[in-house]
PDB file of all heavy atoms in Angstrom:
ATOM      1  N   SER A   1       0.858  -1.186   0.000  1.00  0.00           N
ATOM      2  CA  SER A   1       0.000   0.000   0.000  1.00  0.00           C
ATOM      3  C   SER A   1       0.894   1.235   0.000  1.00  0.00           C
ATOM      4  O   SER A   1       2.118   1.134   0.148  1.00  0.00           O
ATOM      5  CB  SER A   1      -0.925  -0.003   1.219  1.00  0.00           C
ATOM      6  OG  SER A   1      -0.193   0.038   2.425  1.00  0.00           O
ATOM      7  N   ARG A   2       0.266   2.393  -0.157  1.00  0.00           N
ATOM      8  CA  ARG A   2       1.049   3.619  -0.206  1.00  0.00           C
ATOM      9  C   ARG A   2       0.250   4.769   0.371  1.00  0.00           C
ATOM     10  O   ARG A   2      -0.976   4.769   0.342  1.00  0.00           O
ATOM     11  CB  ARG A   2       1.472   3.910  -1.644  1.00  0.00           C
ATOM     12  CG  ARG A   2       0.314   4.194  -2.593  1.00  0.00           C
ATOM     13  CD  ARG A   2       0.771   4.118  -4.039  1.00  0.00           C
ATOM     14  NE  ARG A   2       1.778   5.125  -4.330  1.00  0.00           N
ATOM     15  CZ  ARG A   2       2.648   5.034  -5.336  1.00  0.00           C
ATOM     16  NH1 ARG A   2       2.648   3.982  -6.143  1.00  0.00           N
ATOM     17  NH2 ARG A   2       3.529   5.992  -5.545  1.00  0.00           N
ATOM     18  N   ASP A   3       0.985   5.731   0.897  1.00  0.00           N
ATOM     19  CA  ASP A   3       0.413   6.988   1.365  1.00  0.00           C
ATOM     20  C   ASP A   3       1.150   8.090   0.617  1.00  0.00           C
ATOM     21  O   ASP A   3       2.271   8.458   0.986  1.00  0.00           O
ATOM     22  CB  ASP A   3       0.589   7.104   2.878  1.00  0.00           C
ATOM     23  CG  ASP A   3      -0.099   8.339   3.449  1.00  0.00           C
ATOM     24  OD1 ASP A   3      -0.292   9.312   2.708  1.00  0.00           O
ATOM     25  OD2 ASP A   3      -0.433   8.329   4.637  1.00  0.00           O
ATOM     26  N   ASN A   4       0.537   8.611  -0.420  1.00  0.00           N
ATOM     27  CA  ASN A   4       1.211   9.607  -1.248  1.00  0.00           C
ATOM     28  C   ASN A   4       1.510  10.883  -0.477  1.00  0.00           C
ATOM     29  O   ASN A   4       2.515  11.553  -0.741  1.00  0.00           O
ATOM     30  CB  ASN A   4       0.359   9.923  -2.472  1.00  0.00           C
ATOM     31  CG  ASN A   4       0.283   8.758  -3.437  1.00  0.00           C
ATOM     32  OD1 ASN A   4       1.160   7.885  -3.448  1.00  0.00           O
ATOM     33  ND2 ASN A   4      -0.752   8.713  -4.242  1.00  0.00           N
ATOM     34  N   ALA A   5       0.665  11.213   0.478  1.00  0.00           N
ATOM     35  CA  ALA A   5       0.887  12.429   1.264  1.00  0.00           C
ATOM     36  C   ALA A   5       2.148  12.328   2.109  1.00  0.00           C
ATOM     37  O   ALA A   5       2.771  13.336   2.443  1.00  0.00           O
ATOM     38  CB  ALA A   5      -0.318  12.708   2.152  1.00  0.00           C
ATOM     39  N   LYS A   6       2.509  11.099   2.458  1.00  0.00           N
ATOM     40  CA  LYS A   6       3.701  10.879   3.292  1.00  0.00           C
ATOM     41  C   LYS A   6       4.877  10.339   2.480  1.00  0.00           C
ATOM     42  O   LYS A   6       5.922  10.014   3.054  1.00  0.00           O
ATOM     43  CB  LYS A   6       3.376   9.900   4.421  1.00  0.00           C
ATOM     44  CG  LYS A   6       2.347  10.417   5.408  1.00  0.00           C
ATOM     45  CD  LYS A   6       2.114   9.412   6.522  1.00  0.00           C
ATOM     46  CE  LYS A   6       1.105   9.939   7.528  1.00  0.00           C
ATOM     47  NZ  LYS A   6       0.853   8.977   8.628  1.00  0.00           N
ATOM     48  N   ASN A   7       4.705  10.228   1.166  1.00  0.00           N
ATOM     49  CA  ASN A   7       5.761   9.659   0.313  1.00  0.00           C
ATOM     50  C   ASN A   7       6.255   8.325   0.870  1.00  0.00           C
ATOM     51  O   ASN A   7       7.459   8.074   0.937  1.00  0.00           O
ATOM     52  CB  ASN A   7       6.939  10.632   0.178  1.00  0.00           C
ATOM     53  CG  ASN A   7       6.643  11.758  -0.776  1.00  0.00           C
ATOM     54  OD1 ASN A   7       5.525  11.900  -1.267  1.00  0.00           O
ATOM     55  ND2 ASN A   7       7.644  12.579  -1.039  1.00  0.00           N
ATOM     56  N   THR A   8       5.316   7.499   1.245  1.00  0.00           N
ATOM     57  CA  THR A   8       5.656   6.248   1.921  1.00  0.00           C
ATOM     58  C   THR A   8       4.924   5.081   1.280  1.00  0.00           C
ATOM     59  O   THR A   8       3.742   5.174   0.943  1.00  0.00           O
ATOM     60  CB  THR A   8       5.297   6.319   3.419  1.00  0.00           C
ATOM     61  OG1 THR A   8       5.982   7.426   4.003  1.00  0.00           O
ATOM     62  CG2 THR A   8       5.702   5.043   4.137  1.00  0.00           C
ATOM     63  N   VAL A   9       5.651   3.983   1.127  1.00  0.00           N
ATOM     64  CA  VAL A   9       5.087   2.725   0.660  1.00  0.00           C
ATOM     65  C   VAL A   9       5.238   1.700   1.776  1.00  0.00           C
ATOM     66  O   VAL A   9       6.264   1.674   2.468  1.00  0.00           O
ATOM     67  CB  VAL A   9       5.806   2.236  -0.608  1.00  0.00           C
ATOM     68  CG1 VAL A   9       5.278   0.870  -1.031  1.00  0.00           C
ATOM     69  CG2 VAL A   9       5.616   3.227  -1.735  1.00  0.00           C
ATOM     70  N   TYR A  10       4.221   0.884   1.934  1.00  0.00           N
ATOM     71  CA  TYR A  10       4.212  -0.104   3.011  1.00  0.00           C
ATOM     72  C   TYR A  10       4.121  -1.519   2.446  1.00  0.00           C
ATOM     73  O   TYR A  10       3.648  -1.739   1.328  1.00  0.00           O
ATOM     74  CB  TYR A  10       3.001   0.126   3.930  1.00  0.00           C
ATOM     75  CG  TYR A  10       2.930   1.495   4.524  1.00  0.00           C
ATOM     76  CD1 TYR A  10       2.123   2.482   3.952  1.00  0.00           C
ATOM     77  CD2 TYR A  10       3.655   1.820   5.672  1.00  0.00           C
ATOM     78  CE1 TYR A  10       2.043   3.754   4.496  1.00  0.00           C
ATOM     79  CE2 TYR A  10       3.586   3.089   6.217  1.00  0.00           C
ATOM     80  CZ  TYR A  10       2.776   4.050   5.631  1.00  0.00           C
ATOM     81  OH  TYR A  10       2.704   5.303   6.180  1.00  0.00           O
ATOM     82  N   LEU A  11       4.576  -2.460   3.250  1.00  0.00           N
ATOM     83  CA  LEU A  11       4.363  -3.875   2.943  1.00  0.00           C
ATOM     84  C   LEU A  11       3.902  -4.542   4.233  1.00  0.00           C
ATOM     85  O   LEU A  11       4.688  -4.712   5.164  1.00  0.00           O
ATOM     86  CB  LEU A  11       5.629  -4.542   2.414  1.00  0.00           C
ATOM     87  CG  LEU A  11       5.446  -5.992   1.974  1.00  0.00           C
ATOM     88  CD1 LEU A  11       4.546  -6.069   0.735  1.00  0.00           C
ATOM     89  CD2 LEU A  11       6.797  -6.660   1.677  1.00  0.00           C
ATOM     90  N   GLN A  12       2.627  -4.863   4.282  1.00  0.00           N
ATOM     91  CA  GLN A  12       2.081  -5.591   5.423  1.00  0.00           C
ATOM     92  C   GLN A  12       2.266  -7.079   5.162  1.00  0.00           C
ATOM     93  O   GLN A  12       1.801  -7.599   4.138  1.00  0.00           O
ATOM     94  CB  GLN A  12       0.594  -5.272   5.597  1.00  0.00           C
ATOM     95  CG  GLN A  12      -0.077  -6.038   6.730  1.00  0.00           C
ATOM     96  CD  GLN A  12       0.448  -5.640   8.092  1.00  0.00           C
ATOM     97  OE1 GLN A  12       0.636  -4.461   8.373  1.00  0.00           O
ATOM     98  NE2 GLN A  12       0.694  -6.623   8.950  1.00  0.00           N
ATOM     99  N   MET A  13       2.943  -7.740   6.078  1.00  0.00           N
ATOM    100  CA  MET A  13       3.253  -9.154   5.912  1.00  0.00           C
ATOM    101  C   MET A  13       2.609  -9.945   7.046  1.00  0.00           C
ATOM    102  O   MET A  13       2.935  -9.730   8.217  1.00  0.00           O
ATOM    103  CB  MET A  13       4.773  -9.366   5.916  1.00  0.00           C
ATOM    104  CG  MET A  13       5.509  -8.522   4.897  1.00  0.00           C
ATOM    105  SD  MET A  13       7.271  -8.885   4.795  1.00  0.00           S
ATOM    106  CE  MET A  13       7.800  -8.356   6.422  1.00  0.00           C
ATOM    107  N   ASN A  14       1.688 -10.805   6.695  1.00  0.00           N
ATOM    108  CA  ASN A  14       0.988 -11.647   7.667  1.00  0.00           C
ATOM    109  C   ASN A  14       1.324 -13.118   7.433  1.00  0.00           C
ATOM    110  O   ASN A  14       1.820 -13.496   6.362  1.00  0.00           O
ATOM    111  CB  ASN A  14      -0.518 -11.433   7.555  1.00  0.00           C
ATOM    112  CG  ASN A  14      -0.934 -10.009   7.848  1.00  0.00           C
ATOM    113  OD1 ASN A  14      -0.315  -9.318   8.659  1.00  0.00           O
ATOM    114  ND2 ASN A  14      -1.989  -9.554   7.187  1.00  0.00           N
ATOM    115  N   SER A  15       1.033 -13.916   8.411  1.00  0.00           N
ATOM    116  CA  SER A  15       1.256 -15.372   8.324  1.00  0.00           C
ATOM    117  C   SER A  15       2.660 -15.677   7.809  1.00  0.00           C
ATOM    118  O   SER A  15       2.848 -16.483   6.887  1.00  0.00           O
ATOM    119  CB  SER A  15       0.200 -16.006   7.393  1.00  0.00           C
ATOM    120  OG  SER A  15      -1.100 -15.742   7.857  1.00  0.00           O
ATOM    121  N   LEU A  16       3.621 -15.039   8.407  1.00  0.00           N
ATOM    122  CA  LEU A  16       4.998 -15.178   7.936  1.00  0.00           C
ATOM    123  C   LEU A  16       5.509 -16.603   8.102  1.00  0.00           C
ATOM    124  O   LEU A  16       5.177 -17.300   9.066  1.00  0.00           O
ATOM    125  CB  LEU A  16       5.901 -14.198   8.665  1.00  0.00           C
ATOM    126  CG  LEU A  16       5.778 -12.751   8.155  1.00  0.00           C
ATOM    127  CD1 LEU A  16       6.309 -11.760   9.174  1.00  0.00           C
ATOM    128  CD2 LEU A  16       6.515 -12.605   6.825  1.00  0.00           C
ATOM    129  N   LYS A  17       6.343 -16.990   7.138  1.00  0.00           N
ATOM    130  CA  LYS A  17       6.931 -18.324   7.123  1.00  0.00           C
ATOM    131  C   LYS A  17       8.448 -18.202   7.140  1.00  0.00           C
ATOM    132  O   LYS A  17       9.002 -17.150   6.781  1.00  0.00           O
ATOM    133  CB  LYS A  17       6.497 -19.065   5.852  1.00  0.00           C
ATOM    134  CG  LYS A  17       4.997 -19.149   5.652  1.00  0.00           C
ATOM    135  CD  LYS A  17       4.675 -19.804   4.310  1.00  0.00           C
ATOM    136  CE  LYS A  17       3.172 -19.884   4.081  1.00  0.00           C
ATOM    137  NZ  LYS A  17       2.843 -20.507   2.772  1.00  0.00           N
ATOM    138  N   SER A  18       9.105 -19.282   7.487  1.00  0.00           N
ATOM    139  CA  SER A  18      10.570 -19.245   7.542  1.00  0.00           C
ATOM    140  C   SER A  18      11.159 -18.896   6.182  1.00  0.00           C
ATOM    141  O   SER A  18      12.194 -18.234   6.099  1.00  0.00           O
ATOM    142  CB  SER A  18      11.111 -20.587   8.031  1.00  0.00           C
ATOM    143  OG  SER A  18      10.683 -21.639   7.176  1.00  0.00           O
ATOM    144  N   GLU A  19      10.497 -19.310   5.121  1.00  0.00           N
ATOM    145  CA  GLU A  19      11.011 -19.021   3.782  1.00  0.00           C
ATOM    146  C   GLU A  19      10.853 -17.558   3.377  1.00  0.00           C
ATOM    147  O   GLU A  19      11.327 -17.151   2.316  1.00  0.00           O
ATOM    148  CB  GLU A  19      10.353 -19.920   2.729  1.00  0.00           C
ATOM    149  CG  GLU A  19       8.842 -19.935   2.780  1.00  0.00           C
ATOM    150  CD  GLU A  19       8.305 -21.137   3.546  1.00  0.00           C
ATOM    151  OE1 GLU A  19       8.862 -21.464   4.627  1.00  0.00           O
ATOM    152  OE2 GLU A  19       7.324 -21.741   3.058  1.00  0.00           O
ATOM    153  N   ASP A  20      10.196 -16.755   4.211  1.00  0.00           N
ATOM    154  CA  ASP A  20      10.118 -15.317   3.962  1.00  0.00           C
ATOM    155  C   ASP A  20      11.351 -14.587   4.490  1.00  0.00           C
ATOM    156  O   ASP A  20      11.498 -13.382   4.272  1.00  0.00           O
ATOM    157  CB  ASP A  20       8.872 -14.722   4.622  1.00  0.00           C
ATOM    158  CG  ASP A  20       7.581 -15.258   4.029  1.00  0.00           C
ATOM    159  OD1 ASP A  20       7.507 -15.381   2.782  1.00  0.00           O
ATOM    160  OD2 ASP A  20       6.651 -15.554   4.809  1.00  0.00           O
ATOM    161  N   THR A  21      12.211 -15.305   5.182  1.00  0.00           N
ATOM    162  CA  THR A  21      13.426 -14.697   5.715  1.00  0.00           C
ATOM    163  C   THR A  21      14.301 -14.175   4.589  1.00  0.00           C
ATOM    164  O   THR A  21      14.643 -14.911   3.664  1.00  0.00           O
ATOM    165  CB  THR A  21      14.217 -15.724   6.547  1.00  0.00           C
ATOM    166  OG1 THR A  21      13.441 -16.085   7.699  1.00  0.00           O
ATOM    167  CG2 THR A  21      15.554 -15.157   6.989  1.00  0.00           C
ATOM    168  N   ALA A  22      14.627 -12.895   4.654  1.00  0.00           N
ATOM    169  CA  ALA A  22      15.402 -12.252   3.593  1.00  0.00           C
ATOM    170  C   ALA A  22      15.653 -10.795   3.987  1.00  0.00           C
ATOM    171  O   ALA A  22      15.076 -10.295   4.956  1.00  0.00           O
ATOM    172  CB  ALA A  22      14.652 -12.302   2.262  1.00  0.00           C
ATOM    173  N   VAL A  23      16.486 -10.142   3.200  1.00  0.00           N
ATOM    174  CA  VAL A  23      16.595  -8.693   3.264  1.00  0.00           C
ATOM    175  C   VAL A  23      15.579  -8.128   2.269  1.00  0.00           C
ATOM    176  O   VAL A  23      15.556  -8.541   1.100  1.00  0.00           O
ATOM    177  CB  VAL A  23      18.009  -8.207   2.927  1.00  0.00           C
ATOM    178  CG1 VAL A  23      18.060  -6.683   2.970  1.00  0.00           C
ATOM    179  CG2 VAL A  23      19.025  -8.801   3.891  1.00  0.00           C
ATOM    180  N   TYR A  24      14.762  -7.235   2.747  1.00  0.00           N
ATOM    181  CA  TYR A  24      13.711  -6.645   1.922  1.00  0.00           C
ATOM    182  C   TYR A  24      14.141  -5.242   1.481  1.00  0.00           C
ATOM    183  O   TYR A  24      14.566  -4.432   2.307  1.00  0.00           O
ATOM    184  CB  TYR A  24      12.398  -6.595   2.694  1.00  0.00           C
ATOM    185  CG  TYR A  24      11.735  -7.947   2.783  1.00  0.00           C
ATOM    186  CD1 TYR A  24      12.280  -8.955   3.587  1.00  0.00           C
ATOM    187  CD2 TYR A  24      10.591  -8.252   2.058  1.00  0.00           C
ATOM    188  CE1 TYR A  24      11.697 -10.209   3.654  1.00  0.00           C
ATOM    189  CE2 TYR A  24       9.992  -9.497   2.128  1.00  0.00           C
ATOM    190  CZ  TYR A  24      10.553 -10.475   2.924  1.00  0.00           C
ATOM    191  OH  TYR A  24       9.966 -11.723   2.996  1.00  0.00           O
ATOM    192  N   TYR A  25      13.968  -5.001   0.191  1.00  0.00           N
ATOM    193  CA  TYR A  25      14.384  -3.735  -0.403  1.00  0.00           C
ATOM    194  C   TYR A  25      13.192  -3.032  -1.048  1.00  0.00           C
ATOM    195  O   TYR A  25      12.370  -3.657  -1.736  1.00  0.00           O
ATOM    196  CB  TYR A  25      15.432  -3.965  -1.491  1.00  0.00           C
ATOM    197  CG  TYR A  25      16.719  -4.573  -1.021  1.00  0.00           C
ATOM    198  CD1 TYR A  25      16.896  -5.953  -0.998  1.00  0.00           C
ATOM    199  CD2 TYR A  25      17.776  -3.770  -0.590  1.00  0.00           C
ATOM    200  CE1 TYR A  25      18.084  -6.514  -0.573  1.00  0.00           C
ATOM    201  CE2 TYR A  25      18.970  -4.327  -0.162  1.00  0.00           C
ATOM    202  CZ  TYR A  25      19.108  -5.703  -0.154  1.00  0.00           C
ATOM    203  OH  TYR A  25      20.293  -6.254   0.273  1.00  0.00           O
ATOM    204  N   CYS A  26      13.152  -1.744  -0.853  1.00  0.00           N
ATOM    205  CA  CYS A  26      12.177  -0.901  -1.531  1.00  0.00           C
ATOM    206  C   CYS A  26      12.789  -0.436  -2.859  1.00  0.00           C
ATOM    207  O   CYS A  26      13.992  -0.159  -2.922  1.00  0.00           O
ATOM    208  CB  CYS A  26      11.856   0.288  -0.635  1.00  0.00           C
ATOM    209  SG  CYS A  26      10.637   1.427  -1.289  1.00  0.00           S
ATOM    210  N   ASN A  27      11.957  -0.349  -3.870  1.00  0.00           N
ATOM    211  CA  ASN A  27      12.432   0.019  -5.195  1.00  0.00           C
ATOM    212  C   ASN A  27      11.531   1.076  -5.803  1.00  0.00           C
ATOM    213  O   ASN A  27      10.309   1.021  -5.646  1.00  0.00           O
ATOM    214  CB  ASN A  27      12.459  -1.212  -6.099  1.00  0.00           C
ATOM    215  CG  ASN A  27      12.649  -0.861  -7.554  1.00  0.00           C
ATOM    216  OD1 ASN A  27      11.680  -0.701  -8.314  1.00  0.00           O
ATOM    217  ND2 ASN A  27      13.902  -0.734  -7.972  1.00  0.00           N
ATOM    218  N   LEU A  28      12.155   2.024  -6.497  1.00  0.00           N
ATOM    219  CA  LEU A  28      11.416   3.067  -7.201  1.00  0.00           C
ATOM    220  C   LEU A  28      11.964   3.156  -8.623  1.00  0.00           C
ATOM    221  O   LEU A  28      13.182   3.185  -8.808  1.00  0.00           O
ATOM    222  CB  LEU A  28      11.568   4.409  -6.475  1.00  0.00           C
ATOM    223  CG  LEU A  28      10.858   5.633  -7.040  1.00  0.00           C
ATOM    224  CD1 LEU A  28      10.569   6.622  -5.916  1.00  0.00           C
ATOM    225  CD2 LEU A  28      11.678   6.325  -8.117  1.00  0.00           C
ATOM    226  N   ASN A  29      11.061   3.198  -9.574  1.00  0.00           N
ATOM    227  CA  ASN A  29      11.439   3.328 -10.979  1.00  0.00           C
ATOM    228  C   ASN A  29      10.874   4.640 -11.496  1.00  0.00           C
ATOM    229  O   ASN A  29       9.652   4.815 -11.536  1.00  0.00           O
ATOM    230  CB  ASN A  29      10.881   2.148 -11.782  1.00  0.00           C
ATOM    231  CG  ASN A  29      11.309   2.190 -13.243  1.00  0.00           C
ATOM    232  OD1 ASN A  29      11.560   3.255 -13.808  1.00  0.00           O
ATOM    233  ND2 ASN A  29      11.374   1.038 -13.874  1.00  0.00           N
ATOM    234  N   PHE A  30      11.762   5.546 -11.842  1.00  0.00           N
ATOM    235  CA  PHE A  30      11.324   6.839 -12.343  1.00  0.00           C
ATOM    236  C   PHE A  30      11.974   7.085 -13.692  1.00  0.00           C
ATOM    237  O   PHE A  30      13.187   7.253 -13.767  1.00  0.00           O
ATOM    238  CB  PHE A  30      11.679   7.958 -11.366  1.00  0.00           C
ATOM    239  CG  PHE A  30      11.200   9.317 -11.800  1.00  0.00           C
ATOM    240  CD1 PHE A  30       9.854   9.640 -11.748  1.00  0.00           C
ATOM    241  CD2 PHE A  30      12.094  10.279 -12.267  1.00  0.00           C
ATOM    242  CE1 PHE A  30       9.407  10.883 -12.148  1.00  0.00           C
ATOM    243  CE2 PHE A  30      11.653  11.522 -12.666  1.00  0.00           C
ATOM    244  CZ  PHE A  30      10.296  11.825 -12.602  1.00  0.00           C
ATOM    245  N   ARG A  31      11.164   7.027 -14.721  1.00  0.00           N
ATOM    246  CA  ARG A  31      11.636   7.260 -16.088  1.00  0.00           C
ATOM    247  C   ARG A  31      12.818   6.369 -16.427  1.00  0.00           C
ATOM    248  O   ARG A  31      13.779   6.803 -17.068  1.00  0.00           O
ATOM    249  CB  ARG A  31      11.992   8.731 -16.281  1.00  0.00           C
ATOM    250  CG  ARG A  31      10.794   9.658 -16.136  1.00  0.00           C
ATOM    251  CD  ARG A  31      11.174  11.121 -16.315  1.00  0.00           C
ATOM    252  NE  ARG A  31      10.015  11.992 -16.160  1.00  0.00           N
ATOM    253  CZ  ARG A  31      10.076  13.325 -16.182  1.00  0.00           C
ATOM    254  NH1 ARG A  31      11.236  13.923 -16.366  1.00  0.00           N
ATOM    255  NH2 ARG A  31       8.987  14.032 -16.040  1.00  0.00           N
ATOM    256  N   GLY A  32      12.748   5.138 -15.973  1.00  0.00           N
ATOM    257  CA  GLY A  32      13.767   4.160 -16.293  1.00  0.00           C
ATOM    258  C   GLY A  32      14.931   4.117 -15.331  1.00  0.00           C
ATOM    259  O   GLY A  32      15.727   3.176 -15.377  1.00  0.00           O
ATOM    260  N   ALA A  33      15.051   5.089 -14.477  1.00  0.00           N
ATOM    261  CA  ALA A  33      16.117   5.090 -13.465  1.00  0.00           C
ATOM    262  C   ALA A  33      15.619   4.354 -12.231  1.00  0.00           C
ATOM    263  O   ALA A  33      14.515   4.605 -11.761  1.00  0.00           O
ATOM    264  CB  ALA A  33      16.511   6.514 -13.101  1.00  0.00           C
ATOM    265  N   LEU A  34      16.435   3.421 -11.752  1.00  0.00           N
ATOM    266  CA  LEU A  34      16.052   2.613 -10.589  1.00  0.00           C
ATOM    267  C   LEU A  34      16.732   3.127  -9.337  1.00  0.00           C
ATOM    268  O   LEU A  34      17.930   3.408  -9.335  1.00  0.00           O
ATOM    269  CB  LEU A  34      16.432   1.153 -10.819  1.00  0.00           C
ATOM    270  CG  LEU A  34      15.766   0.464 -12.009  1.00  0.00           C
ATOM    271  CD1 LEU A  34      16.248  -0.982 -12.102  1.00  0.00           C
ATOM    272  CD2 LEU A  34      14.260   0.515 -11.892  1.00  0.00           C
ATOM    273  N   TYR A  35      15.947   3.213  -8.282  1.00  0.00           N
ATOM    274  CA  TYR A  35      16.467   3.628  -6.991  1.00  0.00           C
ATOM    275  C   TYR A  35      16.142   2.524  -5.975  1.00  0.00           C
ATOM    276  O   TYR A  35      15.074   1.923  -6.015  1.00  0.00           O
ATOM    277  CB  TYR A  35      15.825   4.945  -6.537  1.00  0.00           C
ATOM    278  CG  TYR A  35      16.076   6.097  -7.466  1.00  0.00           C
ATOM    279  CD1 TYR A  35      15.237   6.335  -8.553  1.00  0.00           C
ATOM    280  CD2 TYR A  35      17.160   6.953  -7.272  1.00  0.00           C
ATOM    281  CE1 TYR A  35      15.461   7.392  -9.423  1.00  0.00           C
ATOM    282  CE2 TYR A  35      17.390   8.015  -8.134  1.00  0.00           C
ATOM    283  CZ  TYR A  35      16.539   8.226  -9.198  1.00  0.00           C
ATOM    284  OH  TYR A  35      16.769   9.270 -10.059  1.00  0.00           O
ATOM    285  N   TRP A  36      17.102   2.293  -5.069  1.00  0.00           N
ATOM    286  CA  TRP A  36      16.960   1.237  -4.063  1.00  0.00           C
ATOM    287  C   TRP A  36      17.231   1.782  -2.676  1.00  0.00           C
ATOM    288  O   TRP A  36      18.068   2.673  -2.504  1.00  0.00           O
ATOM    289  CB  TRP A  36      17.949   0.099  -4.333  1.00  0.00           C
ATOM    290  CG  TRP A  36      17.721  -0.626  -5.618  1.00  0.00           C
ATOM    291  CD1 TRP A  36      18.296  -0.362  -6.818  1.00  0.00           C
ATOM    292  CD2 TRP A  36      16.858  -1.750  -5.822  1.00  0.00           C
ATOM    293  NE1 TRP A  36      17.837  -1.241  -7.765  1.00  0.00           N
ATOM    294  CE2 TRP A  36      16.967  -2.112  -7.176  1.00  0.00           C
ATOM    295  CE3 TRP A  36      16.012  -2.484  -4.987  1.00  0.00           C
ATOM    296  CZ2 TRP A  36      16.246  -3.179  -7.731  1.00  0.00           C
ATOM    297  CZ3 TRP A  36      15.298  -3.540  -5.536  1.00  0.00           C
ATOM    298  CH2 TRP A  36      15.421  -3.880  -6.889  1.00  0.00           C
ATOM    299  N   GLY A  37      16.550   1.204  -1.706  1.00  0.00           N
ATOM    300  CA  GLY A  37      16.876   1.487  -0.327  1.00  0.00           C
ATOM    301  C   GLY A  37      18.021   0.604   0.125  1.00  0.00           C
ATOM    302  O   GLY A  37      18.537  -0.230  -0.624  1.00  0.00           O
ATOM    303  N   GLN A  38      18.389   0.751   1.385  1.00  0.00           N
ATOM    304  CA  GLN A  38      19.524  -0.006   1.928  1.00  0.00           C
ATOM    305  C   GLN A  38      19.118  -1.400   2.373  1.00  0.00           C
ATOM    306  O   GLN A  38      19.972  -2.243   2.612  1.00  0.00           O
ATOM    307  CB  GLN A  38      20.149   0.750   3.114  1.00  0.00           C
ATOM    308  CG  GLN A  38      19.432   0.580   4.461  1.00  0.00           C
ATOM    309  CD  GLN A  38      18.101   1.308   4.547  1.00  0.00           C
ATOM    310  OE1 GLN A  38      17.722   2.080   3.662  1.00  0.00           O
ATOM    311  NE2 GLN A  38      17.384   1.076   5.636  1.00  0.00           N
ATOM    312  N   GLY A  39      17.827  -1.625   2.473  1.00  0.00           N
ATOM    313  CA  GLY A  39      17.317  -2.936   2.860  1.00  0.00           C
ATOM    314  C   GLY A  39      17.039  -3.041   4.346  1.00  0.00           C
ATOM    315  O   GLY A  39      17.658  -2.354   5.162  1.00  0.00           O
ATOM    316  N   THR A  40      16.093  -3.901   4.674  1.00  0.00           N
ATOM    317  CA  THR A  40      15.783  -4.178   6.078  1.00  0.00           C
ATOM    318  C   THR A  40      15.635  -5.691   6.238  1.00  0.00           C
ATOM    319  O   THR A  40      14.982  -6.357   5.433  1.00  0.00           O
ATOM    320  CB  THR A  40      14.513  -3.429   6.524  1.00  0.00           C
ATOM    321  OG1 THR A  40      14.291  -3.643   7.924  1.00  0.00           O
ATOM    322  CG2 THR A  40      13.269  -3.864   5.762  1.00  0.00           C
ATOM    323  N   GLN A  41      16.269  -6.213   7.270  1.00  0.00           N
ATOM    324  CA  GLN A  41      16.306  -7.661   7.473  1.00  0.00           C
ATOM    325  C   GLN A  41      15.009  -8.149   8.119  1.00  0.00           C
ATOM    326  O   GLN A  41      14.567  -7.598   9.135  1.00  0.00           O
ATOM    327  CB  GLN A  41      17.490  -8.047   8.357  1.00  0.00           C
ATOM    328  CG  GLN A  41      17.572  -9.526   8.710  1.00  0.00           C
ATOM    329  CD  GLN A  41      17.948 -10.395   7.527  1.00  0.00           C
ATOM    330  OE1 GLN A  41      18.875 -10.073   6.785  1.00  0.00           O
ATOM    331  NE2 GLN A  41      17.219 -11.492   7.339  1.00  0.00           N
TER     332      GLN A  41
END
């Protein structure tokens, strides 16, 4: 989901499984240029 007023994107994760273990990265594509966050474990 997203809140445009806060320039924020969310990922609600329910019923988590062991195979969901990973570093999660946010990504933005603007006119073909890709931007990445630093990741969250």
